[in-house]
Structure formats: C-alpha cells, structure tokens
Amino acid sequence: MRNNSVRFRLLRAEVKKLAASGLVSETIEFPGGGTFRYELCESNTEKSIMASFSGDVLRVLIPKTILADWLSSEMVGIESEIAIGGAGTLSILIEKDFACLERSDDPDNSDAYPNPARSC
C-alpha cells in the first residue's frame, strides 16, 4: 500500500482458490485485538474493478469476465484506477506473484510463479 494504491500479489494456491470459489481473503491481526481483512471477490454485476472499505475490511470486486481472462492467460496482472471523488483515484493492482531471485530461501517461492527474469 502506498499513497492511493493497493497492490495484491497472489501465490498459485491463492489464484487457484480465486478461480474455484470466487473469493480470496486474508486477515491480519494486530496487538490489542484489532484486525484488518482484505477480500478479492468475483462479481457477476460489476463492469469494472470496484473497491470499498467498511469496518476493518477492504473488499475488491473483480468483474467475472476480467477475472476469467486473467485466470486463463499468461497475463501477470490486472489493474484499475477507481475515481474516489474530486480529482483523486484509487489504484488497484492484482498480480500473480513471481519467485524472488535474490532470496532463494523465501518460503513463498515454493508456491510462486516462475520468475521470467531467471531465464535471462
């Protein structure tokens, strides 16, 4: 998260779960009992990527057709600029996560997508 942008990097298992159930979510717990949850949800009604924040939940709705195209292709990411009023926008980027080349011991590497830079 930076400025008015949110970037999601999904491992293979998360992409498979999103494809199978139409939902991926994660909860982060903080000292003192606070939580923050995000949800990436397939939408049958939205025409473009939408986002909302209510309570402690950031919910991103992804149109079914956009999600299907992304899931069935080699496309790395999908992104959207969402108007938030005035002249501002919220940038959303959802990507397939690549294995880290500098930290081969990263535990996420086992479920990450092969890094295309490895073949360079």
Foldseek 3Di string as FASTA:
>chain_A
DDDQEDEAADFQVQLVCCVVPQKDKDWDADPPGDIAMEMEGEDCPDPAWDWDDDDRYIYIYHYPVVSVVVSVDPDFWDWDWADDDDPHTHIYIYGQFEADPVCNVPPSNVRGDHDPVVVD
